N, C-alpha and C. Protein backbone atom coordinates (compact mmCIF):
# COMPACT_ATOMS: atom_id res chain seq x y z
N MET A 1 202.52 228.51 155.01
CA MET A 1 203.69 227.62 155.01
C MET A 1 203.25 226.20 154.66
N PRO A 2 203.89 225.57 153.69
CA PRO A 2 203.49 224.20 153.31
C PRO A 2 203.64 223.25 154.47
N ARG A 3 202.73 222.30 154.59
CA ARG A 3 202.82 221.30 155.64
C ARG A 3 203.88 220.27 155.30
N SER A 4 204.42 219.68 156.31
CA SER A 4 205.42 218.63 156.09
C SER A 4 204.75 217.42 155.51
N SER A 5 205.57 216.56 154.88
CA SER A 5 205.03 215.34 154.28
C SER A 5 204.43 214.45 155.34
N SER A 6 205.00 214.45 156.56
CA SER A 6 204.46 213.60 157.61
C SER A 6 203.08 214.07 158.03
N ALA A 7 202.85 215.42 158.07
CA ALA A 7 201.53 215.95 158.42
C ALA A 7 200.52 215.61 157.35
N ALA A 8 200.94 215.73 156.09
CA ALA A 8 200.03 215.40 155.00
C ALA A 8 199.66 213.93 155.03
N ASP A 9 200.66 213.08 155.31
CA ASP A 9 200.41 211.65 155.38
C ASP A 9 199.40 211.32 156.47
N ALA A 10 199.45 212.08 157.59
CA ALA A 10 198.55 211.80 158.70
C ALA A 10 197.10 212.05 158.33
N ASP A 11 196.87 212.97 157.35
CA ASP A 11 195.51 213.31 156.95
C ASP A 11 194.94 212.32 155.95
N ARG A 12 195.77 211.49 155.35
CA ARG A 12 195.29 210.54 154.35
C ARG A 12 194.54 209.39 155.03
N PRO A 13 193.51 208.86 154.38
CA PRO A 13 192.80 207.71 154.96
C PRO A 13 193.75 206.54 155.16
N ARG A 14 193.61 205.86 156.29
CA ARG A 14 194.43 204.68 156.53
C ARG A 14 194.00 203.55 155.63
N ARG A 15 194.93 202.71 155.25
CA ARG A 15 194.60 201.53 154.45
C ARG A 15 194.66 200.31 155.34
N VAL A 16 193.63 199.52 155.27
CA VAL A 16 193.57 198.28 156.05
C VAL A 16 193.25 197.16 155.08
N GLY A 17 194.13 196.15 155.03
CA GLY A 17 193.88 195.04 154.12
C GLY A 17 193.87 195.49 152.67
N GLY A 18 194.69 196.52 152.32
CA GLY A 18 194.77 196.97 150.94
C GLY A 18 193.60 197.82 150.50
N ARG A 19 192.76 198.32 151.44
CA ARG A 19 191.57 199.08 151.07
C ARG A 19 191.50 200.34 151.92
N VAL A 20 191.07 201.45 151.35
CA VAL A 20 190.95 202.68 152.11
C VAL A 20 189.87 202.51 153.18
N ARG A 21 190.24 202.82 154.41
CA ARG A 21 189.26 202.77 155.50
C ARG A 21 188.46 204.06 155.44
N SER A 22 187.28 204.03 154.90
CA SER A 22 186.52 205.23 154.61
C SER A 22 185.04 204.99 154.79
N ALA A 23 184.29 206.08 154.64
CA ALA A 23 182.84 205.95 154.69
C ALA A 23 182.33 205.04 153.59
N ASP A 24 182.98 205.08 152.44
CA ASP A 24 182.56 204.21 151.34
C ASP A 24 182.72 202.74 151.71
N ALA A 25 183.84 202.40 152.34
CA ALA A 25 184.07 201.01 152.75
C ALA A 25 183.03 200.59 153.79
N HIS A 26 182.72 201.49 154.70
CA HIS A 26 181.72 201.22 155.73
C HIS A 26 180.38 200.91 155.07
N GLU A 27 179.98 201.73 154.11
CA GLU A 27 178.71 201.51 153.42
C GLU A 27 178.75 200.23 152.58
N ASP A 28 179.90 199.92 152.01
CA ASP A 28 180.03 198.68 151.23
C ASP A 28 179.76 197.46 152.11
N ALA A 29 180.30 197.49 153.33
CA ALA A 29 180.10 196.37 154.24
C ALA A 29 178.64 196.24 154.65
N LEU A 30 178.00 197.38 154.93
CA LEU A 30 176.59 197.35 155.30
C LEU A 30 175.73 196.83 154.15
N ARG A 31 176.04 197.29 152.95
CA ARG A 31 175.27 196.87 151.77
C ARG A 31 175.43 195.36 151.55
N ALA A 32 176.64 194.87 151.72
CA ALA A 32 176.89 193.44 151.53
C ALA A 32 176.13 192.61 152.55
N ALA A 33 176.09 193.10 153.79
CA ALA A 33 175.36 192.37 154.83
C ALA A 33 173.88 192.26 154.48
N VAL A 34 173.29 193.35 153.99
CA VAL A 34 171.87 193.33 153.60
C VAL A 34 171.65 192.38 152.43
N GLN A 35 172.55 192.41 151.47
CA GLN A 35 172.39 191.55 150.29
C GLN A 35 172.40 190.07 150.69
N ILE A 36 173.33 189.70 151.55
CA ILE A 36 173.40 188.30 151.99
C ILE A 36 172.17 187.94 152.81
N LEU A 37 171.77 188.85 153.69
CA LEU A 37 170.58 188.62 154.52
C LEU A 37 169.36 188.37 153.65
N GLU A 38 169.14 189.22 152.66
CA GLU A 38 167.94 189.09 151.84
C GLU A 38 168.04 187.94 150.85
N ASP A 39 169.25 187.60 150.45
CA ASP A 39 169.42 186.47 149.53
C ASP A 39 169.25 185.13 150.23
N SER A 40 169.84 185.02 151.44
CA SER A 40 169.98 183.69 152.04
C SER A 40 169.56 183.59 153.50
N GLY A 41 169.21 184.70 154.14
CA GLY A 41 168.79 184.65 155.52
C GLY A 41 169.90 184.97 156.51
N TYR A 42 169.51 185.23 157.76
CA TYR A 42 170.46 185.66 158.77
C TYR A 42 171.54 184.62 159.03
N ALA A 43 171.17 183.35 159.06
CA ALA A 43 172.14 182.30 159.37
C ALA A 43 173.28 182.28 158.36
N ALA A 44 173.01 182.74 157.14
CA ALA A 44 174.03 182.70 156.08
C ALA A 44 174.98 183.88 156.15
N VAL A 45 174.65 184.89 156.95
CA VAL A 45 175.53 186.06 157.07
C VAL A 45 176.71 185.71 157.95
N THR A 46 177.90 185.89 157.43
CA THR A 46 179.13 185.73 158.21
C THR A 46 180.03 186.92 157.93
N ILE A 47 180.91 187.20 158.88
CA ILE A 47 181.86 188.29 158.67
C ILE A 47 182.74 187.99 157.45
N GLU A 48 183.11 186.72 157.31
CA GLU A 48 183.92 186.33 156.15
C GLU A 48 183.17 186.57 154.85
N GLY A 49 181.88 186.22 154.84
CA GLY A 49 181.08 186.43 153.64
C GLY A 49 180.89 187.89 153.31
N VAL A 50 180.68 188.72 154.33
CA VAL A 50 180.54 190.16 154.11
C VAL A 50 181.84 190.73 153.58
N ALA A 51 182.96 190.28 154.14
CA ALA A 51 184.26 190.76 153.66
C ALA A 51 184.48 190.38 152.20
N ALA A 52 184.15 189.15 151.84
CA ALA A 52 184.35 188.69 150.47
C ALA A 52 183.47 189.46 149.49
N ARG A 53 182.21 189.72 149.88
CA ARG A 53 181.31 190.40 148.95
C ARG A 53 181.61 191.89 148.84
N SER A 54 182.01 192.49 149.96
CA SER A 54 182.21 193.94 149.97
C SER A 54 183.62 194.36 149.58
N GLY A 55 184.59 193.45 149.73
CA GLY A 55 185.97 193.82 149.50
C GLY A 55 186.61 194.53 150.67
N VAL A 56 185.90 194.62 151.80
CA VAL A 56 186.44 195.25 153.01
C VAL A 56 187.12 194.17 153.85
N ALA A 57 188.29 194.46 154.35
CA ALA A 57 189.04 193.46 155.11
C ALA A 57 188.27 192.98 156.33
N LYS A 58 188.35 191.68 156.61
CA LYS A 58 187.66 191.11 157.76
C LYS A 58 188.08 191.78 159.05
N SER A 59 189.36 192.08 159.18
CA SER A 59 189.85 192.74 160.40
C SER A 59 189.21 194.11 160.57
N THR A 60 188.97 194.80 159.48
CA THR A 60 188.33 196.11 159.54
C THR A 60 186.88 195.98 159.99
N ILE A 61 186.18 195.01 159.45
CA ILE A 61 184.78 194.79 159.84
C ILE A 61 184.69 194.49 161.32
N TYR A 62 185.61 193.68 161.83
CA TYR A 62 185.58 193.36 163.26
C TYR A 62 185.88 194.60 164.11
N ARG A 63 186.63 195.55 163.60
CA ARG A 63 186.88 196.77 164.35
C ARG A 63 185.64 197.66 164.40
N TRP A 64 184.85 197.63 163.35
CA TRP A 64 183.66 198.48 163.29
C TRP A 64 182.47 197.87 164.00
N TRP A 65 182.36 196.56 164.00
CA TRP A 65 181.22 195.88 164.63
C TRP A 65 181.74 194.73 165.49
N SER A 66 181.24 194.66 166.71
CA SER A 66 181.75 193.63 167.63
C SER A 66 181.12 192.27 167.38
N SER A 67 180.01 192.24 166.62
CA SER A 67 179.35 190.96 166.36
C SER A 67 178.59 191.03 165.05
N LYS A 68 178.26 189.87 164.54
CA LYS A 68 177.43 189.78 163.33
C LYS A 68 176.07 190.44 163.57
N ALA A 69 175.52 190.25 164.76
CA ALA A 69 174.22 190.83 165.07
C ALA A 69 174.23 192.34 164.95
N GLU A 70 175.27 192.98 165.49
CA GLU A 70 175.37 194.44 165.41
C GLU A 70 175.49 194.89 163.96
N LEU A 71 176.30 194.20 163.18
CA LEU A 71 176.48 194.54 161.78
C LEU A 71 175.16 194.44 161.02
N VAL A 72 174.47 193.33 161.19
CA VAL A 72 173.23 193.11 160.43
C VAL A 72 172.17 194.13 160.80
N MET A 73 172.01 194.42 162.09
CA MET A 73 170.94 195.34 162.49
C MET A 73 171.27 196.79 162.14
N GLU A 74 172.55 197.16 162.16
CA GLU A 74 172.89 198.50 161.68
C GLU A 74 172.61 198.60 160.18
N ALA A 75 172.98 197.54 159.45
CA ALA A 75 172.76 197.54 158.01
C ALA A 75 171.28 197.62 157.69
N TYR A 76 170.48 196.80 158.36
CA TYR A 76 169.05 196.80 158.07
C TYR A 76 168.39 198.06 158.58
N GLY A 77 168.91 198.58 159.68
CA GLY A 77 168.39 199.84 160.21
C GLY A 77 168.56 200.98 159.23
N GLU A 78 169.72 201.04 158.58
CA GLU A 78 169.95 202.09 157.59
C GLU A 78 169.02 201.93 156.40
N LEU A 79 168.82 200.70 155.96
CA LEU A 79 167.93 200.45 154.83
C LEU A 79 166.51 200.91 155.15
N VAL A 80 166.03 200.55 156.33
CA VAL A 80 164.66 200.91 156.70
C VAL A 80 164.53 202.42 156.89
N ALA A 81 165.55 203.05 157.48
CA ALA A 81 165.50 204.50 157.67
C ALA A 81 165.42 205.23 156.33
N GLU A 82 166.10 204.71 155.32
CA GLU A 82 166.04 205.33 153.99
C GLU A 82 164.66 205.15 153.37
N ARG A 83 164.04 204.00 153.60
CA ARG A 83 162.76 203.68 152.96
C ARG A 83 161.57 204.25 153.71
N MET A 84 161.69 204.35 155.03
CA MET A 84 160.56 204.78 155.84
C MET A 84 160.60 206.28 156.11
N PRO A 85 159.47 206.95 156.06
CA PRO A 85 159.45 208.39 156.32
C PRO A 85 159.55 208.69 157.81
N THR A 86 159.91 209.92 158.12
CA THR A 86 159.81 210.46 159.47
C THR A 86 158.82 211.60 159.39
N PRO A 87 157.52 211.31 159.41
CA PRO A 87 156.52 212.32 159.07
C PRO A 87 156.35 213.38 160.16
N ASP A 88 156.14 214.61 159.73
CA ASP A 88 155.90 215.72 160.66
C ASP A 88 155.16 216.81 159.90
N SER A 89 153.90 216.53 159.56
CA SER A 89 153.11 217.46 158.74
C SER A 89 152.23 218.38 159.57
N ASP A 90 152.22 218.19 160.89
CA ASP A 90 151.32 218.91 161.80
C ASP A 90 149.89 218.39 161.75
N PHE A 91 149.67 217.26 161.09
CA PHE A 91 148.36 216.62 161.06
C PHE A 91 148.55 215.13 161.33
N LEU A 92 147.95 214.63 162.40
CA LEU A 92 148.18 213.25 162.81
C LEU A 92 147.72 212.26 161.76
N THR A 93 146.55 212.47 161.18
CA THR A 93 146.05 211.52 160.19
C THR A 93 147.01 211.41 159.01
N GLU A 94 147.50 212.54 158.54
CA GLU A 94 148.44 212.52 157.41
C GLU A 94 149.75 211.83 157.78
N ASP A 95 150.25 212.14 158.98
CA ASP A 95 151.51 211.54 159.41
C ASP A 95 151.39 210.02 159.53
N LEU A 96 150.32 209.56 160.18
CA LEU A 96 150.16 208.12 160.36
C LEU A 96 149.90 207.40 159.05
N THR A 97 149.11 208.01 158.18
CA THR A 97 148.84 207.38 156.89
C THR A 97 150.11 207.23 156.07
N MET A 98 150.95 208.25 156.09
CA MET A 98 152.22 208.18 155.37
C MET A 98 153.10 207.07 155.95
N PHE A 99 153.16 207.01 157.28
CA PHE A 99 154.03 206.02 157.93
C PHE A 99 153.52 204.61 157.68
N VAL A 100 152.25 204.37 157.90
CA VAL A 100 151.69 203.03 157.78
C VAL A 100 151.72 202.55 156.32
N THR A 101 151.46 203.44 155.39
CA THR A 101 151.52 203.05 153.98
C THR A 101 152.93 202.59 153.62
N ALA A 102 153.93 203.36 154.05
CA ALA A 102 155.31 202.96 153.77
C ALA A 102 155.67 201.66 154.48
N LEU A 103 155.16 201.49 155.70
CA LEU A 103 155.41 200.25 156.44
C LEU A 103 154.85 199.05 155.68
N TYR A 104 153.64 199.16 155.20
CA TYR A 104 153.00 198.05 154.51
C TYR A 104 153.64 197.77 153.15
N ARG A 105 154.30 198.74 152.59
CA ARG A 105 154.89 198.54 151.26
C ARG A 105 156.07 197.58 151.26
N VAL A 106 156.48 197.14 152.44
CA VAL A 106 157.53 196.12 152.47
C VAL A 106 157.11 194.89 151.69
N THR A 107 155.81 194.64 151.62
CA THR A 107 155.32 193.45 150.92
C THR A 107 155.55 193.53 149.41
N GLU A 108 155.91 194.70 148.91
CA GLU A 108 156.27 194.82 147.49
C GLU A 108 157.67 194.28 147.22
N HIS A 109 158.36 193.89 148.28
CA HIS A 109 159.74 193.39 148.16
C HIS A 109 159.82 192.05 148.90
N PRO A 110 159.53 190.96 148.23
CA PRO A 110 159.49 189.64 148.88
C PRO A 110 160.76 189.29 149.65
N ALA A 111 161.92 189.70 149.15
CA ALA A 111 163.17 189.38 149.85
C ALA A 111 163.21 190.06 151.21
N ARG A 112 162.67 191.28 151.29
CA ARG A 112 162.64 191.99 152.57
C ARG A 112 161.65 191.34 153.54
N VAL A 113 160.55 190.86 153.00
CA VAL A 113 159.59 190.16 153.85
C VAL A 113 160.24 188.92 154.45
N ARG A 114 160.92 188.14 153.62
CA ARG A 114 161.60 186.94 154.14
C ARG A 114 162.64 187.32 155.19
N ALA A 115 163.36 188.41 154.93
CA ALA A 115 164.38 188.84 155.88
C ALA A 115 163.76 189.24 157.21
N LEU A 116 162.66 189.99 157.18
CA LEU A 116 162.02 190.41 158.42
C LEU A 116 161.51 189.22 159.21
N ARG A 117 160.90 188.26 158.53
CA ARG A 117 160.43 187.07 159.22
C ARG A 117 161.60 186.32 159.85
N GLY A 118 162.69 186.22 159.11
CA GLY A 118 163.86 185.53 159.64
C GLY A 118 164.47 186.24 160.83
N LEU A 119 164.49 187.58 160.79
CA LEU A 119 165.04 188.33 161.91
C LEU A 119 164.18 188.16 163.16
N MET A 120 162.88 188.20 162.98
CA MET A 120 162.00 188.00 164.13
C MET A 120 162.19 186.60 164.72
N ALA A 121 162.28 185.59 163.87
CA ALA A 121 162.49 184.23 164.35
C ALA A 121 163.83 184.11 165.08
N GLU A 122 164.87 184.70 164.52
CA GLU A 122 166.20 184.62 165.14
C GLU A 122 166.20 185.28 166.51
N ALA A 123 165.43 186.36 166.64
CA ALA A 123 165.38 187.07 167.92
C ALA A 123 164.75 186.23 169.02
N GLN A 124 163.96 185.22 168.67
CA GLN A 124 163.37 184.35 169.67
C GLN A 124 164.34 183.26 170.11
N LEU A 125 165.39 183.04 169.33
CA LEU A 125 166.29 181.91 169.57
C LEU A 125 167.66 182.32 170.08
N ASP A 126 168.09 183.53 169.74
CA ASP A 126 169.46 183.96 170.03
C ASP A 126 169.42 185.20 170.91
N PRO A 127 169.77 185.08 172.20
CA PRO A 127 169.71 186.24 173.10
C PRO A 127 170.61 187.39 172.67
N VAL A 128 171.75 187.09 172.09
CA VAL A 128 172.66 188.15 171.64
C VAL A 128 172.02 188.92 170.49
N PHE A 129 171.49 188.19 169.53
CA PHE A 129 170.83 188.86 168.42
C PHE A 129 169.58 189.59 168.89
N ALA A 130 168.85 189.00 169.84
CA ALA A 130 167.62 189.62 170.33
C ALA A 130 167.88 191.02 170.86
N GLU A 131 169.01 191.22 171.53
CA GLU A 131 169.33 192.55 172.06
C GLU A 131 169.50 193.56 170.94
N ALA A 132 170.24 193.18 169.90
CA ALA A 132 170.43 194.08 168.76
C ALA A 132 169.12 194.31 168.03
N PHE A 133 168.31 193.27 167.91
CA PHE A 133 167.03 193.38 167.22
C PHE A 133 166.10 194.33 167.96
N ARG A 134 166.04 194.21 169.29
CA ARG A 134 165.18 195.10 170.07
C ARG A 134 165.64 196.55 169.96
N GLY A 135 166.94 196.76 169.86
CA GLY A 135 167.44 198.12 169.68
C GLY A 135 166.94 198.72 168.38
N TRP A 136 166.95 197.92 167.32
CA TRP A 136 166.43 198.40 166.03
C TRP A 136 164.93 198.64 166.11
N VAL A 137 164.19 197.71 166.71
CA VAL A 137 162.74 197.89 166.86
C VAL A 137 162.44 199.17 167.63
N GLN A 138 163.20 199.42 168.69
CA GLN A 138 162.97 200.62 169.49
C GLN A 138 163.20 201.89 168.69
N SER A 139 164.17 201.86 167.80
CA SER A 139 164.43 203.05 166.98
C SER A 139 163.24 203.37 166.09
N ARG A 140 162.54 202.35 165.59
CA ARG A 140 161.34 202.57 164.79
C ARG A 140 160.18 203.00 165.67
N ARG A 141 160.09 202.45 166.87
CA ARG A 141 159.05 202.87 167.81
C ARG A 141 159.22 204.33 168.21
N ASP A 142 160.46 204.75 168.35
CA ASP A 142 160.72 206.14 168.74
C ASP A 142 160.18 207.12 167.70
N VAL A 143 160.31 206.76 166.43
CA VAL A 143 159.79 207.64 165.37
C VAL A 143 158.28 207.80 165.53
N LEU A 144 157.59 206.70 165.75
CA LEU A 144 156.14 206.74 165.86
C LEU A 144 155.70 207.37 167.19
N SER A 145 156.44 207.13 168.25
CA SER A 145 156.13 207.77 169.54
C SER A 145 156.16 209.28 169.41
N ALA A 146 157.14 209.79 168.65
CA ALA A 146 157.24 211.23 168.47
C ALA A 146 156.03 211.77 167.70
N VAL A 147 155.53 211.00 166.73
CA VAL A 147 154.33 211.41 165.99
C VAL A 147 153.14 211.55 166.94
N PHE A 148 152.94 210.55 167.80
CA PHE A 148 151.82 210.61 168.74
C PHE A 148 152.02 211.73 169.77
N SER A 149 153.23 211.91 170.25
CA SER A 149 153.48 212.94 171.26
C SER A 149 153.22 214.34 170.71
N ARG A 150 153.61 214.58 169.47
CA ARG A 150 153.32 215.88 168.87
C ARG A 150 151.81 216.08 168.71
N ALA A 151 151.10 215.01 168.38
CA ALA A 151 149.65 215.12 168.23
C ALA A 151 148.99 215.44 169.57
N ILE A 152 149.50 214.87 170.65
CA ILE A 152 148.98 215.20 171.99
C ILE A 152 149.23 216.67 172.29
N ASP A 153 150.43 217.15 171.98
CA ASP A 153 150.76 218.56 172.22
C ASP A 153 149.85 219.50 171.43
N ARG A 154 149.43 219.06 170.24
CA ARG A 154 148.54 219.90 169.41
C ARG A 154 147.08 219.76 169.80
N GLY A 155 146.77 218.85 170.72
CA GLY A 155 145.40 218.65 171.13
C GLY A 155 144.62 217.71 170.25
N GLU A 156 145.29 216.98 169.35
CA GLU A 156 144.61 216.03 168.48
C GLU A 156 144.28 214.72 169.18
N LEU A 157 144.99 214.43 170.24
CA LEU A 157 144.76 213.22 171.03
C LEU A 157 144.65 213.61 172.50
N PRO A 158 143.98 212.78 173.30
CA PRO A 158 143.81 213.12 174.72
C PRO A 158 145.15 213.20 175.45
N ALA A 159 145.24 214.17 176.34
CA ALA A 159 146.43 214.25 177.19
C ALA A 159 146.47 213.01 178.08
N GLY A 160 147.65 212.49 178.30
CA GLY A 160 147.79 211.30 179.13
C GLY A 160 147.59 210.00 178.39
N LEU A 161 147.41 210.08 177.06
CA LEU A 161 147.27 208.86 176.27
C LEU A 161 148.49 207.96 176.47
N ASP A 162 148.27 206.66 176.55
CA ASP A 162 149.36 205.70 176.66
C ASP A 162 150.02 205.58 175.28
N VAL A 163 151.07 206.34 175.07
CA VAL A 163 151.72 206.40 173.76
C VAL A 163 152.31 205.05 173.38
N GLY A 164 152.90 204.35 174.34
CA GLY A 164 153.48 203.05 174.05
C GLY A 164 152.45 202.08 173.52
N HIS A 165 151.27 202.11 174.12
CA HIS A 165 150.21 201.21 173.65
C HIS A 165 149.73 201.63 172.26
N ALA A 166 149.64 202.93 172.03
CA ALA A 166 149.24 203.40 170.70
C ALA A 166 150.22 202.93 169.63
N VAL A 167 151.51 202.97 169.95
CA VAL A 167 152.52 202.47 169.02
C VAL A 167 152.32 200.98 168.77
N ASP A 168 152.03 200.23 169.83
CA ASP A 168 151.77 198.79 169.67
C ASP A 168 150.60 198.54 168.72
N LEU A 169 149.58 199.40 168.78
CA LEU A 169 148.40 199.22 167.94
C LEU A 169 148.71 199.44 166.46
N VAL A 170 149.77 200.18 166.17
CA VAL A 170 150.20 200.36 164.78
C VAL A 170 151.01 199.16 164.31
N PHE A 171 152.02 198.80 165.09
CA PHE A 171 152.93 197.75 164.66
C PHE A 171 152.36 196.34 164.86
N GLY A 172 151.46 196.19 165.82
CA GLY A 172 150.92 194.86 166.12
C GLY A 172 150.27 194.18 164.92
N PRO A 173 149.29 194.82 164.27
CA PRO A 173 148.67 194.18 163.10
C PRO A 173 149.66 193.90 161.98
N PHE A 174 150.63 194.80 161.81
CA PHE A 174 151.63 194.60 160.76
C PHE A 174 152.41 193.31 160.99
N TRP A 175 152.98 193.16 162.19
CA TRP A 175 153.79 191.98 162.47
C TRP A 175 152.93 190.72 162.50
N TYR A 176 151.74 190.80 163.04
CA TYR A 176 150.88 189.63 163.11
C TYR A 176 150.53 189.12 161.72
N ARG A 177 150.15 190.03 160.84
CA ARG A 177 149.82 189.61 159.47
C ARG A 177 151.06 189.14 158.72
N LEU A 178 152.19 189.78 158.97
CA LEU A 178 153.42 189.41 158.27
C LEU A 178 153.86 188.00 158.66
N LEU A 179 153.71 187.67 159.94
CA LEU A 179 154.21 186.39 160.42
C LEU A 179 153.20 185.26 160.25
N VAL A 180 151.92 185.53 160.51
CA VAL A 180 150.92 184.47 160.47
C VAL A 180 150.36 184.29 159.06
N GLU A 181 150.31 185.37 158.30
CA GLU A 181 149.82 185.34 156.91
C GLU A 181 148.35 184.93 156.80
N HIS A 182 147.58 185.22 157.82
CA HIS A 182 146.15 184.92 157.76
C HIS A 182 145.41 185.96 156.92
N LEU A 183 145.97 187.16 156.85
CA LEU A 183 145.44 188.25 156.04
C LEU A 183 146.61 188.97 155.39
N PRO A 184 146.39 189.63 154.27
CA PRO A 184 147.50 190.32 153.60
C PRO A 184 147.89 191.62 154.29
N VAL A 185 149.12 192.00 154.10
CA VAL A 185 149.58 193.35 154.47
C VAL A 185 149.50 194.17 153.18
N ASP A 186 148.46 194.98 153.07
CA ASP A 186 148.13 195.67 151.82
C ASP A 186 148.26 197.18 152.00
N PRO A 187 149.19 197.82 151.30
CA PRO A 187 149.35 199.27 151.44
C PRO A 187 148.08 200.07 151.16
N THR A 188 147.21 199.56 150.29
CA THR A 188 145.99 200.30 149.98
C THR A 188 145.02 200.33 151.16
N GLU A 189 145.21 199.43 152.13
CA GLU A 189 144.35 199.41 153.31
C GLU A 189 144.85 200.33 154.42
N ALA A 190 146.03 200.90 154.25
CA ALA A 190 146.61 201.72 155.31
C ALA A 190 145.71 202.87 155.74
N PRO A 191 145.11 203.65 154.82
CA PRO A 191 144.25 204.75 155.28
C PRO A 191 143.08 204.29 156.14
N ALA A 192 142.45 203.18 155.77
CA ALA A 192 141.33 202.66 156.55
C ALA A 192 141.79 202.18 157.92
N HIS A 193 142.96 201.54 157.97
CA HIS A 193 143.48 201.08 159.25
C HIS A 193 143.77 202.27 160.17
N VAL A 194 144.30 203.34 159.60
CA VAL A 194 144.59 204.54 160.39
C VAL A 194 143.29 205.16 160.90
N ARG A 195 142.28 205.23 160.07
CA ARG A 195 141.00 205.80 160.52
C ARG A 195 140.43 205.02 161.70
N ARG A 196 140.46 203.69 161.61
CA ARG A 196 139.93 202.88 162.70
C ARG A 196 140.76 203.06 163.98
N LEU A 197 142.07 203.13 163.81
CA LEU A 197 142.95 203.34 164.96
C LEU A 197 142.64 204.67 165.64
N LEU A 198 142.53 205.72 164.86
CA LEU A 198 142.31 207.04 165.44
C LEU A 198 140.93 207.16 166.07
N HIS A 199 139.95 206.45 165.51
CA HIS A 199 138.61 206.45 166.11
C HIS A 199 138.70 205.87 167.53
N GLY A 200 139.46 204.81 167.69
CA GLY A 200 139.61 204.21 169.02
C GLY A 200 140.42 205.10 169.96
N LEU A 201 141.49 205.70 169.44
CA LEU A 201 142.34 206.53 170.30
C LEU A 201 141.64 207.80 170.74
N SER A 202 140.73 208.32 169.92
CA SER A 202 140.05 209.57 170.27
C SER A 202 139.18 209.41 171.51
N ASP A 203 138.75 208.16 171.77
CA ASP A 203 137.92 207.88 172.95
C ASP A 203 138.70 207.19 174.06
N ALA A 204 140.03 207.12 173.88
CA ALA A 204 140.84 206.38 174.84
C ALA A 204 140.83 207.08 176.21
N THR A 205 140.74 206.28 177.26
CA THR A 205 140.80 206.82 178.60
C THR A 205 142.27 207.03 178.98
N PRO A 206 142.64 208.24 179.41
CA PRO A 206 144.05 208.47 179.80
C PRO A 206 144.47 207.49 180.88
N ARG A 207 145.71 207.06 180.83
CA ARG A 207 146.21 206.13 181.84
C ARG A 207 146.32 206.85 183.18
N SER A 208 146.12 206.13 184.25
CA SER A 208 146.18 206.72 185.58
C SER A 208 147.63 206.88 186.01
């Protein structure tokens, strides 16, 4: 039996501000936020600017994200998730080398480097943004924690290893070099960095 016109209308995407409220519009807003962030920095990102660049109504953006901080970190989180692997090869050395190499390759994109530095700086100054920033950082830590936990289960690392500290040992040199610039972040050095890390972890004393 054919559906009534009212039922069919209910299935159609709603229009907000003359634009279909859809997954495409959602992605357009996220893409616009990243573009402004990488072009001009976090301070230059505004809901009005994202609306103008994406064509998504400002009222719609406010319904999807309660703050600029949430919008920016979701947008950047999606970008990083697309670029960064979630390795699970059953070999710790291979998984870490893949992850760290991809992490270091951010330096091939100067706009992303500037954006990361700006986000870290903003997180020290703005408590609201800091909360969103830490949520994004934790999502990346969770990926790496799972890599170490699987390696412990396979017997590649000592049982009782402090996984949180091991994760810090991966991200610490990256952020320190990125922010201080005393040494380069070089993707070709990733395998050597992983070897040195694993040499230390293999002798690590399990936490009490």
